[in-house]
All heavy atoms as atom14 arrays in JSON, in Angstrom:
{
  "sequence": "AGITWSGQNTRYVDSVKGRFTISRDNTRNTVYLQMNSLKPEDAAT",
  "atom14_mask": [
    [1, 1, 1, 1, 1, 0, 0, 0, 0, 0, 0, 0, 0, 0],
    [1, 1, 1, 1, 0, 0, 0, 0, 0, 0, 0, 0, 0, 0],
    [1, 1, 1, 1, 1, 1, 1, 1, 0, 0, 0, 0, 0, 0],
    [1, 1, 1, 1, 1, 1, 1, 0, 0, 0, 0, 0, 0, 0],
    [1, 1, 1, 1, 1, 1, 1, 1, 1, 1, 1, 1, 1, 1],
    [1, 1, 1, 1, 1, 1, 0, 0, 0, 0, 0, 0, 0, 0],
    [1, 1, 1, 1, 0, 0, 0, 0, 0, 0, 0, 0, 0, 0],
    [1, 1, 1, 1, 1, 1, 1, 1, 1, 0, 0, 0, 0, 0],
    [1, 1, 1, 1, 1, 1, 1, 1, 0, 0, 0, 0, 0, 0],
    [1, 1, 1, 1, 1, 1, 1, 0, 0, 0, 0, 0, 0, 0],
    [1, 1, 1, 1, 1, 1, 1, 1, 1, 1, 1, 0, 0, 0],
    [1, 1, 1, 1, 1, 1, 1, 1, 1, 1, 1, 1, 0, 0],
    [1, 1, 1, 1, 1, 1, 1, 0, 0, 0, 0, 0, 0, 0],
    [1, 1, 1, 1, 1, 1, 1, 1, 0, 0, 0, 0, 0, 0],
    [1, 1, 1, 1, 1, 1, 0, 0, 0, 0, 0, 0, 0, 0],
    [1, 1, 1, 1, 1, 1, 1, 0, 0, 0, 0, 0, 0, 0],
    [1, 1, 1, 1, 1, 1, 1, 1, 1, 0, 0, 0, 0, 0],
    [1, 1, 1, 1, 0, 0, 0, 0, 0, 0, 0, 0, 0, 0],
    [1, 1, 1, 1, 1, 1, 1, 1, 1, 1, 1, 0, 0, 0],
    [1, 1, 1, 1, 1, 1, 1, 1, 1, 1, 1, 0, 0, 0],
    [1, 1, 1, 1, 1, 1, 1, 0, 0, 0, 0, 0, 0, 0],
    [1, 1, 1, 1, 1, 1, 1, 1, 0, 0, 0, 0, 0, 0],
    [1, 1, 1, 1, 1, 1, 0, 0, 0, 0, 0, 0, 0, 0],
    [1, 1, 1, 1, 1, 1, 1, 1, 1, 1, 1, 0, 0, 0],
    [1, 1, 1, 1, 1, 1, 1, 1, 0, 0, 0, 0, 0, 0],
    [1, 1, 1, 1, 1, 1, 1, 1, 0, 0, 0, 0, 0, 0],
    [1, 1, 1, 1, 1, 1, 1, 0, 0, 0, 0, 0, 0, 0],
    [1, 1, 1, 1, 1, 1, 1, 1, 1, 1, 1, 0, 0, 0],
    [1, 1, 1, 1, 1, 1, 1, 1, 0, 0, 0, 0, 0, 0],
    [1, 1, 1, 1, 1, 1, 1, 0, 0, 0, 0, 0, 0, 0],
    [1, 1, 1, 1, 1, 1, 1, 0, 0, 0, 0, 0, 0, 0],
    [1, 1, 1, 1, 1, 1, 1, 1, 1, 1, 1, 1, 0, 0],
    [1, 1, 1, 1, 1, 1, 1, 1, 0, 0, 0, 0, 0, 0],
    [1, 1, 1, 1, 1, 1, 1, 1, 1, 0, 0, 0, 0, 0],
    [1, 1, 1, 1, 1, 1, 1, 1, 0, 0, 0, 0, 0, 0],
    [1, 1, 1, 1, 1, 1, 1, 1, 0, 0, 0, 0, 0, 0],
    [1, 1, 1, 1, 1, 1, 0, 0, 0, 0, 0, 0, 0, 0],
    [1, 1, 1, 1, 1, 1, 1, 1, 0, 0, 0, 0, 0, 0],
    [1, 1, 1, 1, 1, 1, 1, 1, 1, 0, 0, 0, 0, 0],
    [1, 1, 1, 1, 1, 1, 1, 0, 0, 0, 0, 0, 0, 0],
    [1, 1, 1, 1, 1, 1, 1, 1, 1, 0, 0, 0, 0, 0],
    [1, 1, 1, 1, 1, 1, 1, 1, 0, 0, 0, 0, 0, 0],
    [1, 1, 1, 1, 1, 0, 0, 0, 0, 0, 0, 0, 0, 0],
    [1, 1, 1, 1, 1, 0, 0, 0, 0, 0, 0, 0, 0, 0],
    [1, 1, 1, 1, 1, 1, 1, 0, 0, 0, 0, 0, 0, 0]
  ],
  "atom14_positions": [
    [[-26.88, 8.61, 50.07], [-25.77, 9.5, 50.36], [-24.63, 8.73, 51.0], [-24.86, 7.76, 51.71], [-26.2, 10.65, 51.28], [0.0, 0.0, 0.0], [0.0, 0.0, 0.0], [0.0, 0.0, 0.0], [0.0, 0.0, 0.0], [0.0, 0.0, 0.0], [0.0, 0.0, 0.0], [0.0, 0.0, 0.0], [0.0, 0.0, 0.0], [0.0, 0.0, 0.0]],
    [[-23.41, 9.18, 50.76], [-22.24, 8.55, 51.33], [-21.21, 9.58, 51.75], [-21.19, 10.7, 51.23], [0.0, 0.0, 0.0], [0.0, 0.0, 0.0], [0.0, 0.0, 0.0], [0.0, 0.0, 0.0], [0.0, 0.0, 0.0], [0.0, 0.0, 0.0], [0.0, 0.0, 0.0], [0.0, 0.0, 0.0], [0.0, 0.0, 0.0], [0.0, 0.0, 0.0]],
    [[-20.35, 9.18, 52.67], [-19.32, 10.07, 53.18], [-18.09, 9.25, 53.56], [-18.21, 8.16, 54.11], [-19.85, 10.9, 54.38], [-18.86, 11.98, 54.8], [-20.2, 9.98, 55.55], [-19.47, 13.0, 55.75], [0.0, 0.0, 0.0], [0.0, 0.0, 0.0], [0.0, 0.0, 0.0], [0.0, 0.0, 0.0], [0.0, 0.0, 0.0], [0.0, 0.0, 0.0]],
    [[-16.92, 9.77, 53.24], [-15.68, 9.06, 53.56], [-15.35, 9.21, 55.04], [-16.0, 9.94, 55.78], [-14.52, 9.58, 52.7], [-14.4, 11.0, 52.85], [-14.76, 9.25, 51.24], [0.0, 0.0, 0.0], [0.0, 0.0, 0.0], [0.0, 0.0, 0.0], [0.0, 0.0, 0.0], [0.0, 0.0, 0.0], [0.0, 0.0, 0.0], [0.0, 0.0, 0.0]],
    [[-14.31, 8.52, 55.48], [-14.0, 8.39, 56.9], [-13.79, 9.73, 57.59], [-14.15, 9.89, 58.75], [-12.78, 7.49, 57.09], [-11.52, 8.06, 56.49], [-10.61, 8.86, 57.1], [-11.06, 7.86, 55.16], [-9.6, 9.18, 56.23], [-9.85, 8.58, 55.03], [-11.53, 7.15, 54.06], [-9.12, 8.61, 53.84], [-10.81, 7.18, 52.87], [-9.62, 7.89, 52.78]],
    [[-13.2, 10.7, 56.88], [-12.92, 12.0, 57.47], [-13.97, 13.05, 57.11], [-13.92, 14.17, 57.63], [-11.56, 12.49, 57.02], [-11.53, 12.71, 55.62], [0.0, 0.0, 0.0], [0.0, 0.0, 0.0], [0.0, 0.0, 0.0], [0.0, 0.0, 0.0], [0.0, 0.0, 0.0], [0.0, 0.0, 0.0], [0.0, 0.0, 0.0], [0.0, 0.0, 0.0]],
    [[-14.9, 12.71, 56.25], [-15.88, 13.65, 55.79], [-15.43, 14.52, 54.64], [-16.15, 15.44, 54.24], [0.0, 0.0, 0.0], [0.0, 0.0, 0.0], [0.0, 0.0, 0.0], [0.0, 0.0, 0.0], [0.0, 0.0, 0.0], [0.0, 0.0, 0.0], [0.0, 0.0, 0.0], [0.0, 0.0, 0.0], [0.0, 0.0, 0.0], [0.0, 0.0, 0.0]],
    [[-14.26, 14.24, 54.08], [-13.71, 15.09, 53.03], [-14.41, 14.91, 51.69], [-14.34, 15.81, 50.85], [-12.22, 14.82, 52.87], [-11.89, 13.41, 52.39], [-10.44, 13.05, 52.63], [-9.98, 13.05, 53.77], [-9.74, 12.72, 51.57], [0.0, 0.0, 0.0], [0.0, 0.0, 0.0], [0.0, 0.0, 0.0], [0.0, 0.0, 0.0], [0.0, 0.0, 0.0]],
    [[-15.05, 13.78, 51.49], [-15.76, 13.52, 50.25], [-17.17, 13.05, 50.56], [-17.38, 12.25, 51.47], [-15.06, 12.47, 49.4], [-13.66, 12.87, 48.99], [-12.68, 12.31, 49.46], [-13.57, 13.86, 48.11], [0.0, 0.0, 0.0], [0.0, 0.0, 0.0], [0.0, 0.0, 0.0], [0.0, 0.0, 0.0], [0.0, 0.0, 0.0], [0.0, 0.0, 0.0]],
    [[-18.11, 13.54, 49.8], [-19.5, 13.11, 49.91], [-20.05, 12.79, 48.54], [-19.53, 13.25, 47.52], [-20.38, 14.18, 50.58], [-20.32, 15.39, 49.82], [-19.92, 14.46, 52.0], [0.0, 0.0, 0.0], [0.0, 0.0, 0.0], [0.0, 0.0, 0.0], [0.0, 0.0, 0.0], [0.0, 0.0, 0.0], [0.0, 0.0, 0.0], [0.0, 0.0, 0.0]],
    [[-21.11, 12.0, 48.53], [-21.74, 11.59, 47.29], [-23.23, 11.47, 47.53], [-23.66, 11.02, 48.6], [-21.16, 10.26, 46.81], [-21.81, 9.7, 45.56], [-21.2, 8.36, 45.22], [-21.97, 7.65, 44.23], [-21.78, 7.74, 42.91], [-20.83, 8.53, 42.43], [-22.54, 7.03, 42.08], [0.0, 0.0, 0.0], [0.0, 0.0, 0.0], [0.0, 0.0, 0.0]],
    [[-24.03, 11.85, 46.53], [-25.48, 11.82, 46.65], [-26.1, 11.28, 45.38], [-25.59, 11.5, 44.27], [-26.06, 13.21, 46.89], [-25.54, 13.89, 48.14], [-24.43, 14.71, 48.09], [-26.19, 13.72, 49.35], [-23.96, 15.33, 49.23], [-25.73, 14.34, 50.5], [-24.62, 15.14, 50.43], [-24.15, 15.76, 51.57], [0.0, 0.0, 0.0], [0.0, 0.0, 0.0]],
    [[-27.2, 10.6, 45.55], [-28.0, 10.24, 44.39], [-28.62, 11.53, 43.84], [-28.92, 12.47, 44.59], [-29.07, 9.2, 44.77], [-30.12, 9.79, 45.71], [-29.71, 8.59, 43.53], [0.0, 0.0, 0.0], [0.0, 0.0, 0.0], [0.0, 0.0, 0.0], [0.0, 0.0, 0.0], [0.0, 0.0, 0.0], [0.0, 0.0, 0.0], [0.0, 0.0, 0.0]],
    [[-28.8, 11.58, 42.53], [-29.24, 12.82, 41.89], [-30.54, 13.36, 42.47], [-30.72, 14.58, 42.59], [-29.41, 12.61, 40.39], [-28.09, 12.54, 39.66], [-27.06, 12.9, 40.24], [-28.1, 12.1, 38.49], [0.0, 0.0, 0.0], [0.0, 0.0, 0.0], [0.0, 0.0, 0.0], [0.0, 0.0, 0.0], [0.0, 0.0, 0.0], [0.0, 0.0, 0.0]],
    [[-31.44, 12.49, 42.84], [-32.76, 12.91, 43.27], [-32.77, 13.68, 44.6], [-33.76, 14.34, 44.91], [-33.7, 11.71, 43.38], [-33.23, 10.77, 44.33], [0.0, 0.0, 0.0], [0.0, 0.0, 0.0], [0.0, 0.0, 0.0], [0.0, 0.0, 0.0], [0.0, 0.0, 0.0], [0.0, 0.0, 0.0], [0.0, 0.0, 0.0], [0.0, 0.0, 0.0]],
    [[-31.69, 13.61, 45.36], [-31.65, 14.31, 46.65], [-30.62, 15.43, 46.69], [-30.52, 16.12, 47.71], [-31.39, 13.33, 47.82], [-32.36, 12.17, 47.77], [-29.95, 12.85, 47.84], [0.0, 0.0, 0.0], [0.0, 0.0, 0.0], [0.0, 0.0, 0.0], [0.0, 0.0, 0.0], [0.0, 0.0, 0.0], [0.0, 0.0, 0.0], [0.0, 0.0, 0.0]],
    [[-29.89, 15.63, 45.62], [-28.88, 16.68, 45.6], [-29.51, 18.05, 45.84], [-30.52, 18.39, 45.25], [-28.13, 16.68, 44.27], [-27.18, 15.52, 44.11], [-26.47, 15.57, 42.77], [-25.5, 14.41, 42.62], [-24.84, 14.4, 41.29], [0.0, 0.0, 0.0], [0.0, 0.0, 0.0], [0.0, 0.0, 0.0], [0.0, 0.0, 0.0], [0.0, 0.0, 0.0]],
    [[-28.89, 18.81, 46.72], [-29.41, 20.11, 47.07], [-30.44, 20.11, 48.17], [-30.8, 21.17, 48.69], [0.0, 0.0, 0.0], [0.0, 0.0, 0.0], [0.0, 0.0, 0.0], [0.0, 0.0, 0.0], [0.0, 0.0, 0.0], [0.0, 0.0, 0.0], [0.0, 0.0, 0.0], [0.0, 0.0, 0.0], [0.0, 0.0, 0.0], [0.0, 0.0, 0.0]],
    [[-30.93, 18.93, 48.53], [-31.93, 18.81, 49.58], [-31.42, 18.07, 50.81], [-31.81, 18.39, 51.93], [-33.18, 18.11, 49.06], [-33.86, 18.83, 47.9], [-35.2, 18.2, 47.58], [-35.07, 16.81, 47.13], [-35.63, 15.76, 47.74], [-36.37, 15.95, 48.84], [-35.48, 14.54, 47.25], [0.0, 0.0, 0.0], [0.0, 0.0, 0.0], [0.0, 0.0, 0.0]],
    [[-30.58, 17.06, 50.6], [-30.06, 16.25, 51.69], [-28.58, 16.57, 51.91], [-27.85, 16.86, 50.96], [-30.18, 14.76, 51.37], [-31.58, 14.22, 51.36], [-32.69, 15.05, 51.39], [-31.78, 12.85, 51.3], [-33.98, 14.54, 51.36], [-33.06, 12.32, 51.28], [-34.15, 13.16, 51.3], [0.0, 0.0, 0.0], [0.0, 0.0, 0.0], [0.0, 0.0, 0.0]],
    [[-28.14, 16.47, 53.16], [-26.75, 16.66, 53.51], [-26.31, 15.57, 54.47], [-26.93, 15.39, 55.52], [-26.51, 18.03, 54.16], [-26.93, 19.07, 53.28], [-25.02, 18.22, 54.46], [0.0, 0.0, 0.0], [0.0, 0.0, 0.0], [0.0, 0.0, 0.0], [0.0, 0.0, 0.0], [0.0, 0.0, 0.0], [0.0, 0.0, 0.0], [0.0, 0.0, 0.0]],
    [[-25.26, 14.86, 54.1], [-24.69, 13.86, 54.98], [-23.49, 14.46, 55.71], [-22.72, 15.24, 55.14], [-24.29, 12.59, 54.19], [-23.87, 11.47, 55.15], [-23.19, 12.88, 53.18], [-23.69, 10.12, 54.46], [0.0, 0.0, 0.0], [0.0, 0.0, 0.0], [0.0, 0.0, 0.0], [0.0, 0.0, 0.0], [0.0, 0.0, 0.0], [0.0, 0.0, 0.0]],
    [[-23.33, 14.11, 56.96], [-22.21, 14.59, 57.76], [-21.88, 13.55, 58.81], [-22.63, 12.59, 59.01], [-22.53, 15.94, 58.41], [-23.63, 15.84, 59.3], [0.0, 0.0, 0.0], [0.0, 0.0, 0.0], [0.0, 0.0, 0.0], [0.0, 0.0, 0.0], [0.0, 0.0, 0.0], [0.0, 0.0, 0.0], [0.0, 0.0, 0.0], [0.0, 0.0, 0.0]],
    [[-20.76, 13.74, 59.48], [-20.37, 12.79, 60.52], [-19.62, 13.48, 61.62], [-18.99, 14.53, 61.42], [-19.53, 11.64, 59.92], [-18.17, 12.06, 59.41], [-17.54, 10.94, 58.6], [-17.29, 9.75, 59.41], [-17.11, 8.52, 58.91], [-17.18, 8.33, 57.6], [-16.89, 7.5, 59.72], [0.0, 0.0, 0.0], [0.0, 0.0, 0.0], [0.0, 0.0, 0.0]],
    [[-19.66, 12.88, 62.8], [-18.91, 13.33, 63.96], [-18.18, 12.11, 64.5], [-18.79, 11.27, 65.17], [-19.83, 13.94, 65.01], [-19.08, 14.52, 66.19], [-17.88, 14.23, 66.35], [-19.69, 15.28, 66.96], [0.0, 0.0, 0.0], [0.0, 0.0, 0.0], [0.0, 0.0, 0.0], [0.0, 0.0, 0.0], [0.0, 0.0, 0.0], [0.0, 0.0, 0.0]],
    [[-16.91, 12.01, 64.19], [-16.16, 10.82, 64.57], [-15.91, 10.74, 66.08], [-15.61, 9.66, 66.59], [-14.83, 10.76, 63.81], [-15.01, 10.39, 62.36], [-16.11, 10.04, 61.93], [-13.92, 10.46, 61.6], [0.0, 0.0, 0.0], [0.0, 0.0, 0.0], [0.0, 0.0, 0.0], [0.0, 0.0, 0.0], [0.0, 0.0, 0.0], [0.0, 0.0, 0.0]],
    [[-16.01, 11.85, 66.78], [-15.87, 11.81, 68.23], [-17.07, 11.18, 68.9], [-16.99, 10.74, 70.04], [-15.64, 13.2, 68.82], [-16.82, 14.0, 68.68], [-14.47, 13.88, 68.12], [0.0, 0.0, 0.0], [0.0, 0.0, 0.0], [0.0, 0.0, 0.0], [0.0, 0.0, 0.0], [0.0, 0.0, 0.0], [0.0, 0.0, 0.0], [0.0, 0.0, 0.0]],
    [[-18.19, 11.15, 68.19], [-19.42, 10.56, 68.71], [-19.82, 9.3, 67.97], [-20.89, 8.75, 68.24], [-20.55, 11.57, 68.65], [-20.38, 12.74, 69.6], [-21.53, 13.73, 69.47], [-21.57, 14.65, 70.6], [-20.85, 15.75, 70.67], [-20.02, 16.08, 69.69], [-20.95, 16.54, 71.74], [0.0, 0.0, 0.0], [0.0, 0.0, 0.0], [0.0, 0.0, 0.0]],
    [[-18.99, 8.84, 67.04], [-19.29, 7.65, 66.24], [-20.68, 7.75, 65.6], [-21.45, 6.79, 65.59], [-19.2, 6.38, 67.09], [-17.79, 6.06, 67.53], [-16.82, 6.43, 66.87], [-17.67, 5.35, 68.64], [0.0, 0.0, 0.0], [0.0, 0.0, 0.0], [0.0, 0.0, 0.0], [0.0, 0.0, 0.0], [0.0, 0.0, 0.0], [0.0, 0.0, 0.0]],
    [[-20.96, 8.91, 65.05], [-22.29, 9.18, 64.54], [-22.23, 9.78, 63.14], [-21.4, 10.65, 62.86], [-23.05, 10.14, 65.47], [-23.12, 9.57, 66.78], [-24.46, 10.37, 64.96], [0.0, 0.0, 0.0], [0.0, 0.0, 0.0], [0.0, 0.0, 0.0], [0.0, 0.0, 0.0], [0.0, 0.0, 0.0], [0.0, 0.0, 0.0], [0.0, 0.0, 0.0]],
    [[-23.11, 9.3, 62.28], [-23.3, 9.87, 60.96], [-24.73, 10.39, 60.88], [-25.65, 9.79, 61.45], [-22.99, 8.85, 59.84], [-23.94, 7.65, 59.92], [-23.06, 9.51, 58.47], [0.0, 0.0, 0.0], [0.0, 0.0, 0.0], [0.0, 0.0, 0.0], [0.0, 0.0, 0.0], [0.0, 0.0, 0.0], [0.0, 0.0, 0.0], [0.0, 0.0, 0.0]],
    [[-24.92, 11.51, 60.19], [-26.21, 12.18, 60.11], [-26.67, 12.3, 58.66], [-25.86, 12.31, 57.73], [-26.13, 13.58, 60.69], [-25.59, 13.65, 62.09], [-24.24, 13.86, 62.32], [-26.43, 13.5, 63.2], [-23.74, 13.92, 63.61], [-25.94, 13.56, 64.48], [-24.59, 13.78, 64.69], [-24.1, 13.84, 65.97], [0.0, 0.0, 0.0], [0.0, 0.0, 0.0]],
    [[-27.96, 12.41, 58.5], [-28.53, 12.75, 57.21], [-29.59, 13.82, 57.44], [-30.67, 13.53, 57.95], [-29.14, 11.53, 56.51], [-29.66, 11.8, 55.1], [-28.5, 12.13, 54.15], [-30.45, 10.61, 54.57], [0.0, 0.0, 0.0], [0.0, 0.0, 0.0], [0.0, 0.0, 0.0], [0.0, 0.0, 0.0], [0.0, 0.0, 0.0], [0.0, 0.0, 0.0]],
    [[-29.25, 15.05, 57.09], [-30.2, 16.14, 57.17], [-31.02, 16.16, 55.89], [-30.46, 16.3, 54.8], [-29.48, 17.47, 57.37], [-30.4, 18.68, 57.41], [-31.32, 18.67, 58.61], [-30.88, 18.44, 59.73], [-32.6, 18.9, 58.38], [0.0, 0.0, 0.0], [0.0, 0.0, 0.0], [0.0, 0.0, 0.0], [0.0, 0.0, 0.0], [0.0, 0.0, 0.0]],
    [[-32.31, 16.03, 56.02], [-33.21, 15.95, 54.88], [-34.14, 17.15, 54.9], [-34.92, 17.32, 55.84], [-34.01, 14.65, 54.9], [-33.15, 13.4, 54.97], [-34.11, 11.88, 54.79], [-35.08, 11.95, 56.31], [0.0, 0.0, 0.0], [0.0, 0.0, 0.0], [0.0, 0.0, 0.0], [0.0, 0.0, 0.0], [0.0, 0.0, 0.0], [0.0, 0.0, 0.0]],
    [[-34.04, 17.97, 53.88], [-34.88, 19.16, 53.74], [-35.74, 19.05, 52.5], [-35.47, 18.26, 51.6], [-34.02, 20.42, 53.66], [-33.18, 20.66, 54.88], [-33.6, 20.38, 56.0], [-31.97, 21.2, 54.68], [0.0, 0.0, 0.0], [0.0, 0.0, 0.0], [0.0, 0.0, 0.0], [0.0, 0.0, 0.0], [0.0, 0.0, 0.0], [0.0, 0.0, 0.0]],
    [[-36.78, 19.87, 52.46], [-37.68, 19.92, 51.3], [-38.17, 18.52, 50.92], [-38.14, 18.13, 49.75], [-36.99, 20.59, 50.11], [-36.59, 21.9, 50.44], [0.0, 0.0, 0.0], [0.0, 0.0, 0.0], [0.0, 0.0, 0.0], [0.0, 0.0, 0.0], [0.0, 0.0, 0.0], [0.0, 0.0, 0.0], [0.0, 0.0, 0.0], [0.0, 0.0, 0.0]],
    [[-38.62, 17.8, 51.9], [-39.0, 16.41, 51.68], [-40.2, 16.29, 50.75], [-41.12, 17.11, 50.79], [-39.29, 15.73, 53.01], [-38.04, 15.32, 53.79], [-38.37, 15.07, 55.25], [-37.41, 14.09, 53.16], [0.0, 0.0, 0.0], [0.0, 0.0, 0.0], [0.0, 0.0, 0.0], [0.0, 0.0, 0.0], [0.0, 0.0, 0.0], [0.0, 0.0, 0.0]],
    [[-40.17, 15.25, 49.94], [-41.22, 14.95, 48.98], [-41.83, 13.6, 49.31], [-41.19, 12.77, 49.94], [-40.64, 14.91, 47.56], [-39.89, 16.15, 47.14], [-39.24, 15.94, 45.78], [-38.48, 17.17, 45.33], [-37.83, 16.96, 44.02], [0.0, 0.0, 0.0], [0.0, 0.0, 0.0], [0.0, 0.0, 0.0], [0.0, 0.0, 0.0], [0.0, 0.0, 0.0]],
    [[-43.06, 13.36, 48.87], [-43.67, 12.05, 49.12], [-42.82, 10.89, 48.61], [-42.8, 9.82, 49.24], [-45.0, 12.13, 48.37], [-45.35, 13.58, 48.41], [-44.03, 14.3, 48.25], [0.0, 0.0, 0.0], [0.0, 0.0, 0.0], [0.0, 0.0, 0.0], [0.0, 0.0, 0.0], [0.0, 0.0, 0.0], [0.0, 0.0, 0.0], [0.0, 0.0, 0.0]],
    [[-42.11, 11.07, 47.52], [-41.28, 10.01, 46.98], [-40.05, 9.72, 47.83], [-39.33, 8.74, 47.57], [-40.86, 10.31, 45.54], [-40.26, 11.68, 45.34], [-41.27, 12.71, 44.85], [-42.4, 12.73, 45.39], [-40.94, 13.47, 43.93], [0.0, 0.0, 0.0], [0.0, 0.0, 0.0], [0.0, 0.0, 0.0], [0.0, 0.0, 0.0], [0.0, 0.0, 0.0]],
    [[-39.77, 10.55, 48.83], [-38.68, 10.27, 49.76], [-39.09, 9.29, 50.85], [-38.23, 8.82, 51.61], [-38.2, 11.55, 50.43], [-37.55, 12.52, 49.46], [-36.78, 12.06, 48.59], [-37.81, 13.74, 49.58], [0.0, 0.0, 0.0], [0.0, 0.0, 0.0], [0.0, 0.0, 0.0], [0.0, 0.0, 0.0], [0.0, 0.0, 0.0], [0.0, 0.0, 0.0]],
    [[-40.36, 9.0, 50.97], [-40.84, 8.09, 52.0], [-40.25, 6.7, 51.8], [-40.3, 6.14, 50.7], [-42.36, 8.03, 51.99], [0.0, 0.0, 0.0], [0.0, 0.0, 0.0], [0.0, 0.0, 0.0], [0.0, 0.0, 0.0], [0.0, 0.0, 0.0], [0.0, 0.0, 0.0], [0.0, 0.0, 0.0], [0.0, 0.0, 0.0], [0.0, 0.0, 0.0]],
    [[-39.68, 6.15, 52.84], [-39.02, 4.85, 52.77], [-38.49, 4.5, 54.15], [-38.53, 5.31, 55.08], [-37.86, 4.89, 51.77], [0.0, 0.0, 0.0], [0.0, 0.0, 0.0], [0.0, 0.0, 0.0], [0.0, 0.0, 0.0], [0.0, 0.0, 0.0], [0.0, 0.0, 0.0], [0.0, 0.0, 0.0], [0.0, 0.0, 0.0], [0.0, 0.0, 0.0]],
    [[-37.98, 3.29, 54.26], [-37.17, 2.93, 55.41], [-35.73, 3.29, 55.09], [-35.2, 2.87, 54.05], [-37.28, 1.44, 55.74], [-38.64, 1.12, 56.0], [-36.44, 1.1, 56.95], [0.0, 0.0, 0.0], [0.0, 0.0, 0.0], [0.0, 0.0, 0.0], [0.0, 0.0, 0.0], [0.0, 0.0, 0.0], [0.0, 0.0, 0.0], [0.0, 0.0, 0.0]]
  ]
}
């Protein structure tokens, strides 16, 4: 998943669309990845 500097554009690999959400909080210098409906094939570093 990817997100532009302001969060106005996002991009996802097909296999996680609808399940993962990327977001950011520039006041906290933090980017997040919310992962739902996890599958065994999502296991990774």
